[in-house]
Protein backbone atom coordinates (compact mmCIF):
# COMPACT_ATOMS: atom_id res chain seq x y z
CA UNK A 1 6.07 -9.51 -21.23
CA UNK A 2 8.64 -7.40 -23.11
CA UNK A 3 11.13 -8.78 -25.62
CA UNK A 4 14.09 -10.57 -24.06
CA UNK A 5 17.38 -8.95 -25.06
CA UNK A 6 20.36 -11.30 -25.19
CA UNK A 7 23.67 -9.48 -25.68
CA UNK A 8 25.23 -6.43 -23.99
CA UNK A 9 25.71 -3.37 -26.17
CA UNK A 10 29.51 -3.64 -26.06
CA UNK A 11 29.30 -7.05 -27.75
CA UNK A 12 26.79 -5.80 -30.32
CA UNK A 13 29.10 -2.88 -31.16
CA UNK A 14 32.12 -5.15 -31.54
CA UNK A 15 30.52 -7.63 -33.93
CA UNK A 16 28.40 -5.23 -35.94
CA UNK A 17 31.41 -2.96 -36.54
CA UNK A 18 33.42 -5.97 -37.73
CA UNK A 19 30.60 -7.06 -40.06
CA UNK A 20 30.08 -10.41 -38.29
CA UNK A 21 26.58 -9.33 -37.22
CA UNK A 22 24.02 -7.43 -39.28
CA UNK A 23 20.56 -6.00 -38.66
CA UNK A 24 19.08 -9.00 -40.43
CA UNK A 25 16.19 -10.82 -38.72
CA UNK A 26 14.45 -14.11 -39.31
CA UNK A 27 11.17 -12.28 -39.89
CA UNK A 28 12.65 -10.22 -42.71
CA UNK A 29 14.21 -13.32 -44.29
CA UNK A 30 10.76 -14.89 -44.65
CA UNK A 31 9.33 -11.68 -46.14
CA UNK A 32 12.20 -11.58 -48.64
CA UNK A 33 11.84 -15.23 -49.64
CA UNK A 34 8.08 -14.92 -50.16
CA UNK A 35 8.59 -11.83 -52.32
CA UNK A 36 11.31 -13.48 -54.41
CA UNK A 37 10.01 -17.05 -54.67
CA UNK A 38 6.30 -16.88 -53.86
CA UNK A 39 5.03 -19.48 -56.37
CA UNK A 40 7.96 -21.87 -55.96
CA UNK A 41 8.06 -24.88 -53.68
CA UNK A 42 9.23 -24.07 -50.15
CA UNK A 43 8.64 -27.03 -47.84
CA UNK A 44 7.67 -30.71 -47.98
CA UNK A 45 6.35 -33.05 -45.29
CA UNK A 46 7.86 -36.45 -44.38
CA UNK A 47 6.49 -39.26 -46.54
CA UNK A 48 5.54 -41.17 -43.39
CA UNK A 49 3.88 -38.20 -41.68
CA UNK A 50 0.65 -40.14 -40.98
CA UNK A 51 2.63 -42.53 -38.77
CA UNK A 52 3.50 -39.65 -36.46
CA UNK A 53 0.45 -37.36 -36.49
CA UNK A 54 -3.16 -37.49 -37.70
CA UNK A 55 -2.53 -35.67 -40.97
CA UNK A 56 -1.45 -36.40 -44.51
CA UNK A 57 1.75 -35.03 -46.07
CA UNK A 58 1.51 -31.58 -47.66
CA UNK A 59 3.70 -29.48 -49.96
CA UNK A 60 3.61 -25.70 -49.72
CA UNK A 61 4.93 -22.93 -51.91
CA UNK A 62 6.45 -19.88 -50.26
CA UNK A 63 3.18 -17.96 -50.75
CA UNK A 64 1.11 -20.80 -49.27
CA UNK A 65 3.50 -21.08 -46.35
CA UNK A 66 3.24 -17.35 -45.73
CA UNK A 67 -0.57 -17.60 -45.63
CA UNK A 68 -0.40 -20.44 -43.08
CA UNK A 69 1.99 -18.39 -40.97
CA UNK A 70 -0.31 -15.36 -41.06
CA UNK A 71 -3.33 -17.43 -40.07
CA UNK A 72 -1.58 -19.04 -37.08
CA UNK A 73 -0.06 -15.69 -36.04
CA UNK A 74 -3.61 -14.27 -35.91
CA UNK A 75 -4.78 -17.21 -33.79
CA UNK A 76 -1.88 -16.71 -31.38
CA UNK A 77 -2.69 -13.00 -31.05
CA UNK A 78 -6.37 -13.81 -30.42
CA UNK A 79 -5.26 -16.27 -27.71
CA UNK A 80 -3.34 -13.49 -25.98
CA UNK A 81 0.20 -14.40 -27.04
CA UNK A 82 2.41 -11.35 -27.40
CA UNK A 83 5.98 -10.39 -28.32
CA UNK A 84 8.44 -11.77 -25.79
CA UNK A 85 6.11 -14.56 -24.63
CA UNK A 86 7.57 -18.07 -24.64
CA UNK A 87 5.75 -20.79 -26.58
CA UNK A 88 6.52 -24.40 -25.75
CA UNK A 89 6.46 -26.53 -28.92
CA UNK A 90 6.17 -30.29 -28.89
CA UNK A 91 5.78 -31.49 -32.47
CA UNK A 92 7.61 -33.92 -34.75
CA UNK A 93 9.40 -32.70 -37.87
CA UNK A 94 6.46 -31.66 -40.05
CA UNK A 95 5.32 -28.64 -42.03
CA UNK A 96 3.14 -27.62 -39.06
CA UNK A 97 6.19 -27.47 -36.84
CA UNK A 98 7.87 -24.95 -39.14
CA UNK A 99 4.63 -22.94 -39.42
CA UNK A 100 4.49 -22.70 -35.61
CA UNK A 101 8.09 -21.44 -35.47
CA UNK A 102 7.57 -18.85 -38.19
CA UNK A 103 4.17 -17.66 -36.88
CA UNK A 104 5.61 -17.27 -33.37
CA UNK A 105 8.56 -15.31 -34.73
CA UNK A 106 6.29 -13.15 -36.89
CA UNK A 107 4.71 -11.67 -33.75
CA UNK A 108 7.98 -11.60 -31.82
CA UNK A 109 7.29 -14.58 -29.55
CA UNK A 110 10.03 -16.99 -28.45
CA UNK A 111 9.84 -20.69 -29.28
CA UNK A 112 11.20 -23.44 -27.08
CA UNK A 113 11.02 -26.81 -28.84
CA UNK A 114 10.83 -29.81 -26.51
CA UNK A 115 11.51 -33.47 -27.36
CA UNK A 116 8.27 -35.31 -28.15
CA UNK A 117 9.16 -37.96 -25.58
CA UNK A 118 9.20 -35.50 -22.66
CA UNK A 119 6.15 -35.79 -20.43
CA UNK A 120 4.84 -35.43 -16.87
CA UNK A 121 7.13 -33.74 -14.37
CA UNK A 122 9.75 -33.07 -17.05
CA UNK A 123 7.26 -30.96 -19.02
CA UNK A 124 6.20 -29.10 -15.88
CA UNK A 125 9.82 -28.38 -14.91
CA UNK A 126 10.75 -27.16 -18.40
CA UNK A 127 7.64 -24.98 -18.71
CA UNK A 128 8.19 -23.50 -15.26
CA UNK A 129 11.80 -22.63 -16.06
CA UNK A 130 10.71 -21.11 -19.37
CA UNK A 131 7.64 -19.32 -17.94
CA UNK A 132 5.69 -20.50 -20.99
CA UNK A 133 2.59 -18.56 -21.95
CA UNK A 134 1.39 -20.96 -24.64
CA UNK A 135 2.00 -24.54 -25.69
CA UNK A 136 1.54 -26.05 -29.18
CA UNK A 137 1.39 -29.78 -29.82
CA UNK A 138 -0.67 -32.41 -31.69
CA UNK A 139 -3.53 -34.66 -30.65
CA UNK A 140 -1.31 -37.65 -31.36
CA UNK A 141 2.44 -37.95 -31.78
CA UNK A 142 3.25 -41.55 -32.61
CA UNK A 143 1.48 -43.63 -29.97
CA UNK A 144 1.39 -40.76 -27.46
CA UNK A 145 -1.74 -38.68 -26.80
CA UNK A 146 0.30 -35.49 -26.71
CA UNK A 147 -2.51 -32.94 -26.33
CA UNK A 148 -4.08 -34.94 -23.49
CA UNK A 149 -0.68 -35.17 -21.88
CA UNK A 150 -0.09 -31.40 -21.70
CA UNK A 151 -3.76 -30.75 -20.81
CA UNK A 152 -3.43 -33.08 -17.82
CA UNK A 153 -0.61 -31.01 -16.28
CA UNK A 154 -1.82 -27.59 -17.44
CA UNK A 155 -3.07 -26.53 -14.00
CA UNK A 156 0.39 -27.17 -12.54
CA UNK A 157 2.07 -24.64 -14.86
CA UNK A 158 1.21 -21.24 -13.42
CA UNK A 159 2.19 -19.12 -16.44
CA UNK A 160 0.49 -21.30 -19.10
CA UNK A 161 -2.54 -19.46 -20.52
CA UNK A 162 -3.41 -21.40 -23.67
CA UNK A 163 -2.77 -24.83 -25.22
CA UNK A 164 -3.18 -25.28 -28.97
CA UNK A 165 -3.15 -28.54 -30.89
CA UNK A 166 -3.18 -29.88 -34.42
CA UNK A 167 -4.93 -33.12 -35.30
CA UNK A 168 -7.95 -34.99 -33.96
CA UNK A 169 -8.82 -36.07 -30.44
CA UNK A 170 -8.13 -32.62 -29.06
CA UNK A 171 -9.41 -32.37 -25.46
CA UNK A 172 -11.80 -29.73 -24.17
CA UNK A 173 -10.17 -26.42 -23.37
CA UNK A 174 -7.49 -26.87 -26.03
CA UNK A 175 -7.60 -24.69 -29.17
CA UNK A 176 -7.72 -26.90 -32.25
CA UNK A 177 -5.54 -25.82 -35.15
CA UNK A 178 -5.96 -26.68 -38.79
CA UNK A 179 -4.97 -25.54 -42.24
CA UNK A 180 -6.97 -22.59 -43.57
CA UNK A 181 -6.39 -19.38 -45.43
CA UNK A 182 -6.16 -16.19 -43.37
CA UNK A 183 -9.10 -13.82 -43.58
CA UNK A 184 -8.65 -10.17 -44.49
CA UNK A 185 -9.17 -9.36 -40.81
CA UNK A 186 -6.38 -11.79 -39.83
CA UNK A 187 -3.96 -10.24 -42.27
CA UNK A 188 -4.73 -6.70 -41.14
CA UNK A 189 -4.45 -7.63 -37.45
CA UNK A 190 -1.08 -9.37 -37.87
CA UNK A 191 0.31 -6.57 -40.04
CA UNK A 192 -0.79 -3.94 -37.52
CA UNK A 193 0.76 -5.84 -34.61
CA UNK A 194 4.08 -6.47 -36.36
CA UNK A 195 4.27 -2.82 -37.45
CA UNK A 196 3.80 -1.72 -33.83
CA UNK A 197 6.28 -4.27 -32.45
CA UNK A 198 9.40 -4.05 -34.53
CA UNK A 199 11.82 -6.94 -34.09
CA UNK A 200 15.37 -6.23 -33.02
CA UNK A 201 18.14 -8.71 -33.97
CA UNK A 202 19.10 -8.81 -30.30
CA UNK A 203 15.67 -10.17 -29.36
CA UNK A 204 15.57 -13.76 -28.14
CA UNK A 205 14.54 -16.02 -31.00
CA UNK A 206 14.42 -19.42 -29.32
CA UNK A 207 15.39 -21.30 -26.20
CA UNK A 208 16.74 -24.74 -26.95
CA UNK A 209 18.15 -27.34 -24.60
CA UNK A 210 21.57 -28.87 -24.25
CA UNK A 211 21.85 -32.55 -25.04
CA UNK A 212 22.39 -33.49 -21.42
CA UNK A 213 24.70 -36.45 -22.04
CA UNK A 214 26.26 -36.20 -18.57
CA UNK A 215 23.95 -34.01 -16.52
CA UNK A 216 20.63 -32.23 -16.61
CA UNK A 217 19.74 -30.35 -19.78
CA UNK A 218 20.21 -26.58 -19.67
CA UNK A 219 18.19 -23.92 -21.46
CA UNK A 220 20.13 -22.02 -24.11
CA UNK A 221 18.57 -18.70 -25.26
CA UNK A 222 19.82 -17.26 -28.52
CA UNK A 223 19.09 -14.18 -30.59
CA UNK A 224 18.94 -13.44 -34.31
CA UNK A 225 22.53 -12.16 -34.22
CA UNK A 226 24.41 -15.36 -33.38
CA UNK A 227 21.76 -17.67 -34.90
CA UNK A 228 22.09 -16.14 -38.35
CA UNK A 229 25.86 -15.96 -37.98
CA UNK A 230 25.85 -19.74 -37.44
CA UNK A 231 23.45 -20.25 -40.34
CA UNK A 232 25.69 -18.26 -42.67
CA UNK A 233 28.63 -20.51 -41.77
CA UNK A 234 26.61 -23.55 -42.84
CA UNK A 235 25.49 -21.84 -46.05
CA UNK A 236 29.04 -20.82 -46.97
CA UNK A 237 30.76 -24.07 -45.94
CA UNK A 238 28.19 -26.23 -47.71
CA UNK A 239 27.85 -23.87 -50.70
CA UNK A 240 24.05 -23.81 -50.37
CA UNK A 241 21.93 -21.87 -52.86
CA UNK A 242 18.28 -21.37 -53.72
CA UNK A 243 18.55 -24.28 -56.16
CA UNK A 244 19.27 -26.80 -53.41
CA UNK A 245 16.87 -29.30 -51.85
CA UNK A 246 17.68 -29.80 -48.16
CA UNK A 247 16.65 -32.95 -46.34
CA UNK A 248 16.47 -32.29 -42.60
CA UNK A 249 17.00 -35.40 -40.43
CA UNK A 250 17.60 -33.43 -37.22
CA UNK A 251 15.02 -32.83 -34.47
CA UNK A 252 14.18 -29.13 -34.43
CA UNK A 253 15.01 -28.92 -30.74
CA UNK A 254 18.70 -29.14 -31.62
CA UNK A 255 21.17 -26.60 -32.97
CA UNK A 256 21.68 -28.88 -35.97
CA UNK A 257 17.96 -28.65 -36.75
CA UNK A 258 17.47 -24.90 -36.28
CA UNK A 259 20.78 -23.23 -37.17
CA UNK A 260 21.98 -26.12 -39.31
CA UNK A 261 18.89 -26.62 -41.49
CA UNK A 262 15.92 -24.32 -40.80
CA UNK A 263 17.75 -20.99 -40.86
CA UNK A 264 20.05 -21.87 -43.81
CA UNK A 265 16.83 -22.74 -45.70
CA UNK A 266 15.45 -19.27 -44.92
CA UNK A 267 18.74 -17.60 -45.83
CA UNK A 268 18.90 -19.27 -49.26
CA UNK A 269 15.27 -19.84 -50.27
CA UNK A 270 15.98 -23.51 -51.03
CA UNK A 271 13.44 -26.31 -50.61
CA UNK A 272 13.22 -27.86 -47.13
CA UNK A 273 12.20 -31.52 -46.92
CA UNK A 274 11.28 -32.56 -43.39
CA UNK A 275 12.21 -36.00 -42.07
CA UNK A 276 10.96 -37.33 -38.76
CA UNK A 277 14.07 -38.89 -37.24
CA UNK A 278 15.07 -41.49 -38.01
CA UNK A 279 13.70 -44.02 -40.47
CA UNK A 280 16.28 -45.22 -42.97
CA UNK A 281 13.79 -46.44 -45.57
CA UNK A 282 11.89 -43.14 -45.57
CA UNK A 283 15.15 -41.18 -45.57
CA UNK A 284 16.42 -42.93 -48.69
CA UNK A 285 13.04 -42.69 -50.37
CA UNK A 286 12.95 -38.93 -49.76
CA UNK A 287 16.44 -38.48 -51.21
CA UNK A 288 15.36 -40.21 -54.42
CA UNK A 289 11.83 -38.82 -54.80
CA UNK A 290 12.55 -35.22 -53.80
CA UNK A 291 15.87 -35.11 -55.65
CA UNK A 292 17.69 -34.04 -52.52
CA UNK A 293 21.02 -32.31 -53.10
CA UNK A 294 22.14 -31.78 -49.49
CA UNK A 295 21.58 -33.62 -46.25
CA UNK A 296 23.35 -34.81 -43.14
CA UNK A 297 23.65 -38.16 -41.39
CA UNK A 298 25.35 -39.64 -38.36
CA UNK A 299 28.21 -42.10 -38.88
CA UNK A 300 25.85 -44.91 -37.87
CA UNK A 301 23.34 -43.81 -40.53
CA UNK A 302 26.07 -43.62 -43.18
CA UNK A 303 27.14 -47.16 -42.32
CA UNK A 304 23.52 -48.33 -42.54
CA UNK A 305 23.15 -46.72 -45.99
CA UNK A 306 26.25 -48.57 -47.19
CA UNK A 307 24.59 -51.85 -46.19
CA UNK A 308 21.58 -50.93 -48.35
CA UNK A 309 23.77 -50.49 -51.42
CA UNK A 310 22.21 -52.03 -54.50
CA UNK A 311 19.96 -51.32 -57.49
CA UNK A 312 17.28 -49.75 -55.28
CA UNK A 313 19.61 -47.16 -53.76
CA UNK A 314 19.47 -43.83 -55.61
CA UNK A 315 21.77 -41.10 -54.31
CA UNK A 316 22.35 -39.61 -57.74
CA UNK A 317 21.14 -36.09 -56.91
CA UNK A 318 23.17 -35.74 -53.72
CA UNK A 319 26.14 -33.44 -54.06
CA UNK A 320 27.10 -32.87 -50.41
CA UNK A 321 26.59 -34.72 -47.17
CA UNK A 322 27.54 -33.56 -43.70
CA UNK A 323 28.12 -35.74 -40.68
CA UNK A 324 28.26 -34.92 -37.01
CA UNK A 325 27.61 -36.40 -33.54
CA UNK A 326 30.71 -38.64 -33.68
CA UNK A 327 34.05 -38.93 -35.53
CA UNK A 328 33.75 -40.69 -38.85
CA UNK A 329 35.94 -43.73 -39.58
CA UNK A 330 38.38 -43.06 -42.42
CA UNK A 331 37.28 -46.11 -44.47
CA UNK A 332 33.72 -44.74 -44.52
CA UNK A 333 34.95 -41.41 -45.93
CA UNK A 334 36.96 -43.21 -48.60
CA UNK A 335 34.13 -45.58 -49.44
CA UNK A 336 31.60 -42.76 -49.94
CA UNK A 337 34.03 -40.93 -52.21
CA UNK A 338 34.83 -44.00 -54.31
CA UNK A 339 31.40 -45.62 -54.39
CA UNK A 340 29.09 -42.59 -54.60
CA UNK A 341 31.42 -39.75 -55.61
CA UNK A 342 30.44 -37.83 -52.48
CA UNK A 343 32.70 -36.02 -50.06
CA UNK A 344 31.55 -36.53 -46.49
CA UNK A 345 32.47 -33.47 -44.46
CA UNK A 346 32.67 -33.58 -40.67
CA UNK A 347 31.02 -30.92 -38.56
CA UNK A 348 31.59 -30.28 -34.88
CA UNK A 349 29.04 -28.08 -33.20
CA UNK A 350 27.15 -27.35 -30.04
CA UNK A 351 24.00 -25.52 -29.15
CA UNK A 352 26.14 -23.00 -27.27
CA UNK A 353 27.52 -21.74 -30.58
CA UNK A 354 30.56 -23.84 -31.47
CA UNK A 355 30.73 -24.56 -35.20
CA UNK A 356 33.78 -26.20 -36.76
CA UNK A 357 33.62 -27.55 -40.31
CA UNK A 358 36.26 -30.04 -41.43
CA UNK A 359 38.04 -30.08 -44.75
CA UNK A 360 37.47 -33.30 -46.74
CA UNK A 361 41.20 -34.02 -46.87
CA UNK A 362 41.53 -33.95 -43.09
CA UNK A 363 39.27 -36.96 -42.61
CA UNK A 364 41.58 -39.23 -44.59
CA UNK A 365 44.89 -37.57 -43.79
CA UNK A 366 44.53 -38.46 -40.12
CA UNK A 367 42.97 -41.89 -40.65
CA UNK A 368 41.60 -43.37 -37.48
CA UNK A 369 42.64 -40.41 -35.36
CA UNK A 370 39.33 -38.62 -35.08
CA UNK A 371 37.80 -35.65 -36.87
CA UNK A 372 40.09 -32.75 -37.82
CA UNK A 373 39.23 -29.11 -38.39
CA UNK A 374 41.26 -26.14 -39.63
CA UNK A 375 43.00 -24.48 -36.71
CA UNK A 376 42.76 -21.05 -38.34
CA UNK A 377 39.73 -19.36 -36.79
CA UNK A 378 37.22 -17.35 -38.76
CA UNK A 379 37.61 -13.55 -38.53
CA UNK A 380 36.37 -12.33 -35.18
CA UNK A 381 36.64 -15.78 -33.59
CA UNK A 382 39.29 -16.77 -31.06
CA UNK A 383 40.21 -20.43 -30.55
CA UNK A 384 42.54 -21.85 -27.93
CA UNK A 385 43.36 -25.05 -26.08
CA UNK A 386 43.84 -25.12 -22.32
CA UNK A 387 45.36 -27.85 -20.17
CA UNK A 388 42.63 -28.64 -17.63
CA UNK A 389 45.17 -29.72 -15.00
CA UNK A 390 47.49 -26.70 -15.15
CA UNK A 391 45.33 -24.03 -16.80
CA UNK A 392 48.16 -23.37 -19.28
CA UNK A 393 47.60 -22.55 -22.93
CA UNK A 394 48.66 -25.37 -25.25
CA UNK A 395 50.65 -24.56 -28.40
CA UNK A 396 52.35 -27.85 -29.21
CA UNK A 397 50.98 -30.95 -31.00
CA UNK A 398 49.43 -34.02 -29.42
CA UNK A 399 48.70 -32.55 -25.98
CA UNK A 400 44.97 -32.74 -25.16
CA UNK A 401 43.40 -29.47 -24.12
CA UNK A 402 39.91 -28.08 -23.68
CA UNK A 403 38.69 -26.03 -26.61
CA UNK A 404 38.00 -22.44 -25.58
CA UNK A 405 36.18 -20.23 -28.06
CA UNK A 406 35.03 -16.64 -28.28
CA UNK A 407 33.25 -15.08 -31.23
CA UNK A 408 30.05 -13.96 -32.95
CA UNK A 409 28.48 -17.44 -32.97
CA UNK A 410 28.79 -18.05 -29.23
CA UNK A 411 25.77 -17.72 -26.96
CA UNK A 412 25.60 -15.32 -24.03
CA UNK A 413 24.89 -17.78 -21.19
CA UNK A 414 22.41 -20.35 -19.93
CA UNK A 415 18.79 -19.55 -19.19
CA UNK A 416 19.08 -20.00 -15.44
CA UNK A 417 22.53 -18.79 -14.28
CA UNK A 418 21.69 -19.51 -10.64
CA UNK A 419 21.35 -23.25 -11.40
CA UNK A 420 24.14 -23.53 -13.94
CA UNK A 421 27.84 -22.69 -13.57
CA UNK A 422 29.30 -19.82 -15.58
CA UNK A 423 30.48 -21.44 -18.86
CA UNK A 424 33.03 -18.69 -19.64
CA UNK A 425 36.63 -18.31 -18.49
CA UNK A 426 38.26 -15.10 -17.29
CA UNK A 427 39.01 -14.11 -20.90
CA UNK A 428 35.35 -14.45 -21.88
CA UNK A 429 35.89 -17.66 -23.83
CA UNK A 430 33.36 -20.48 -23.75
CA UNK A 431 34.72 -23.51 -21.89
CA UNK A 432 33.37 -26.21 -24.19
CA UNK A 433 34.28 -29.36 -22.25
CA UNK A 434 35.62 -30.78 -25.53
CA UNK A 435 39.24 -31.88 -25.80
CA UNK A 436 41.29 -31.33 -28.97
CA UNK A 437 44.95 -31.67 -29.91
CA UNK A 438 46.97 -29.70 -32.42
CA UNK A 439 47.71 -31.84 -35.47
CA UNK A 440 49.13 -31.66 -39.01
CA UNK A 441 52.65 -31.16 -40.30
CA UNK A 442 52.41 -27.41 -39.75
CA UNK A 443 50.08 -27.57 -36.75
CA UNK A 444 47.30 -26.40 -39.05
CA UNK A 445 44.55 -28.64 -37.68
CA UNK A 446 42.68 -29.24 -34.48
CA UNK A 447 41.89 -32.93 -34.03
CA UNK A 448 39.01 -33.89 -31.78
CA UNK A 449 40.34 -35.99 -28.91
CA UNK A 450 37.34 -36.61 -26.66
CA UNK A 451 34.80 -35.06 -24.35
CA UNK A 452 36.56 -34.16 -21.12
CA UNK A 453 33.93 -36.22 -19.28
CA UNK A 454 34.59 -39.25 -21.51
CA UNK A 455 38.38 -39.61 -21.36
CA UNK A 456 39.63 -42.71 -19.60
CA UNK A 457 42.55 -42.55 -17.16
CA UNK A 458 44.29 -45.92 -16.77
CA UNK A 459 47.46 -46.14 -14.67
CA UNK A 460 47.85 -42.39 -15.01
CA UNK A 461 47.66 -42.47 -18.82
CA UNK A 462 44.95 -40.37 -20.51
CA UNK A 463 43.17 -42.52 -23.10
CA UNK A 464 40.91 -41.20 -25.87
CA UNK A 465 37.73 -43.22 -26.17
CA UNK A 466 36.99 -41.53 -29.52
CA UNK A 467 40.24 -42.69 -31.12
CA UNK A 468 39.56 -46.29 -30.20
CA UNK A 469 35.92 -46.08 -31.29
CA UNK A 470 36.98 -44.81 -34.71
CA UNK A 471 39.39 -47.71 -35.17
CA UNK A 472 36.94 -50.33 -33.89
CA UNK A 473 34.36 -49.05 -36.38
CA UNK A 474 36.71 -50.10 -39.20
CA UNK A 475 36.08 -53.77 -38.40
CA UNK A 476 33.63 -55.34 -40.91
CA UNK A 477 31.59 -56.92 -38.12
CA UNK A 478 30.97 -53.61 -36.32
CA UNK A 479 27.90 -51.44 -36.88
CA UNK A 480 28.43 -49.14 -33.89
CA UNK A 481 31.00 -48.90 -31.13
CA UNK A 482 31.56 -47.00 -27.91
CA UNK A 483 34.46 -47.16 -25.46
CA UNK A 484 34.02 -46.25 -21.79
CA UNK A 485 35.93 -46.46 -18.54
CA UNK A 486 34.74 -48.66 -15.69
CA UNK A 487 36.05 -47.67 -12.19
CA UNK A 488 38.76 -49.97 -10.86
CA UNK A 489 40.69 -49.76 -7.57
CA UNK A 490 43.94 -51.05 -9.10
CA UNK A 491 44.35 -49.10 -12.33
CA UNK A 492 41.83 -46.29 -11.93
CA UNK A 493 39.62 -47.29 -14.85
CA UNK A 494 39.27 -50.46 -16.91
CA UNK A 495 38.67 -49.93 -20.62
CA UNK A 496 35.46 -51.48 -21.94
CA UNK A 497 34.31 -51.64 -25.58
CA UNK A 498 30.56 -51.78 -26.22
CA UNK A 499 29.83 -52.96 -29.75
CA UNK A 500 26.74 -53.40 -31.90
CA UNK A 501 27.49 -56.05 -34.54
CA UNK A 502 26.17 -56.03 -38.07
CA UNK A 503 23.47 -58.63 -38.80
CA UNK A 504 24.93 -62.12 -38.92
CA UNK A 505 28.36 -60.97 -37.71
CA UNK A 506 30.29 -61.82 -34.55
CA UNK A 507 33.29 -60.27 -32.84
CA UNK A 508 35.62 -61.48 -30.10
CA UNK A 509 37.75 -59.44 -27.71
CA UNK A 510 40.84 -61.10 -29.21
CA UNK A 511 39.92 -59.93 -32.72
CA UNK A 512 39.23 -56.41 -31.49
CA UNK A 513 42.53 -56.15 -29.60
CA UNK A 514 44.51 -57.59 -32.51
CA UNK A 515 43.05 -54.97 -34.83
CA UNK A 516 43.77 -52.06 -32.47
CA UNK A 517 47.36 -53.13 -31.86
CA UNK A 518 47.89 -53.54 -35.61
CA UNK A 519 46.63 -49.97 -36.05
CA UNK A 520 49.24 -48.68 -33.61
CA UNK A 521 47.34 -48.56 -30.31
CA UNK A 522 49.49 -49.15 -27.23
CA UNK A 523 48.62 -52.66 -25.93
CA UNK A 524 48.41 -51.15 -22.42
CA UNK A 525 45.45 -48.99 -23.52
CA UNK A 526 43.27 -51.44 -25.46
CA UNK A 527 39.89 -52.59 -24.11
CA UNK A 528 40.08 -55.32 -21.50
CA UNK A 529 36.43 -56.27 -21.88
CA UNK A 530 33.99 -56.49 -24.79
CA UNK A 531 30.24 -56.09 -24.39
CA UNK A 532 28.02 -56.98 -27.35
CA UNK A 533 24.92 -54.79 -27.31
CA UNK A 534 21.71 -54.55 -29.34
CA UNK A 535 22.03 -50.76 -29.55
CA UNK A 536 23.79 -47.77 -28.04
CA UNK A 537 21.75 -45.25 -26.04
CA UNK A 538 21.74 -41.90 -27.81
CA UNK A 539 20.33 -38.47 -27.15
CA UNK A 540 18.16 -36.63 -29.67
CA UNK A 541 21.22 -35.10 -31.28
CA UNK A 542 22.64 -38.55 -32.02
CA UNK A 543 25.40 -38.53 -29.41
CA UNK A 544 26.01 -41.70 -27.42
CA UNK A 545 24.99 -41.37 -23.79
CA UNK A 546 28.27 -42.47 -22.19
CA UNK A 547 26.90 -41.88 -18.72
CA UNK A 548 24.28 -44.59 -19.22
CA UNK A 549 26.80 -46.94 -20.81
CA UNK A 550 29.18 -46.56 -17.87
CA UNK A 551 26.36 -47.41 -15.50
CA UNK A 552 25.42 -50.47 -17.54
CA UNK A 553 28.92 -51.89 -17.85
CA UNK A 554 29.65 -51.19 -14.18
CA UNK A 555 26.58 -53.23 -13.19
CA UNK A 556 27.60 -56.02 -15.56
């Protein structure tokens, strides 16, 4: 199979001439980092690795990592994997996972990371759509016999030629992987192959999957061009350098994991500390023991950390923390600044290539109104808001419109266009499905309003679930909150709040309504029903699965 090219030449010309894209590749980044920082620490395993796979935690320098990559690249070549082949990867966040990515990329193969929970027909469907040539997993992932699981469906995947697995309990017919130094023959073979198969920055690097909060997940192919453009935004916005220690809490199947952590690590030469999502005790232990300077956490995780505050909590080395997946309540931002001296910066992104980074001031300036981001687009990027009912461009404040974006970070289209609608409008802008409003005294911000699929329409009034969730989260009794619409013949949709209470706390509908009205919410648009839940369903990116919540509250 030849290398999969992603972007048309006209787009390459536009963004390379503007300087937004370069000839840089992920393969060359690794070569550069090994040359510059060979004896220095590169990557660290989760402290609780043995809970997830049959292996103990390891720490590798850049030179040691490079040797592991060469050895696995040689094994892949021996197994018949070639440039342009797709490798399905089903591994937790470990050093081995990163080695698999880098070894695949070294020989020009394409990785497609799959959630570790996916099994049976879902694996078959994904592998068929990807036309996978190889699959890499572990003998055990948590309580799941992962290698047995893929081996059992192997005959049903017509393109799958080889299955490889780390760990013990590897079934017959599966190539067992381990840690070993490459032989001279391995090194020569890999070097010869890479010299004969030069990587182009327009080659497909990976195929990830959309979160699928409302419908089926879609494959998203992306090349070096837009991937490294996204990574550079993270590096610049977060001021990352080679002296940083990055703690990665994101699954590597997500954009946050790959373009938000893995590639910025390669760009800077920092230390990458892997965390298998999400164990709060291990997360805090890693911050303290590894002297982490930069990490990210969901609003729910930030709230949980606040509850752990005490003599045993050591965040002293942290200098920056990013949050995404949901708007952050203003009191949380203020509390982290006052208590820990840390600015929590909001990020809004998608695997399709949207990347908006908030300014710290915006989170408090628009308290309780959702996350805000500078309206001024980066050079080469076009941002606009469109009224979904009229199709008109929106240029005035407080009118919800769908974010449309065009630029060097945006992907080129879904893996299977025949099964997925065209995500671009007639001007070539990505139709994100995310609603924003123009905000700020000078209209200088975009404030996240809601997902278009999550807005609630009651008596003809468009209601933002996100705004209400942010305000509800201010209540001391609330650990997590979601607001959804339940179909109703009289008013269109009834507003329902689903709340997870903090341990030992209680909340009544009357208390919730009183708080919202006091914070300026129209009494006609407050929740009419309160559901106390043990936990909110979330996807692997941390977003609440509103579709499932609507089904649950409708049944109740």
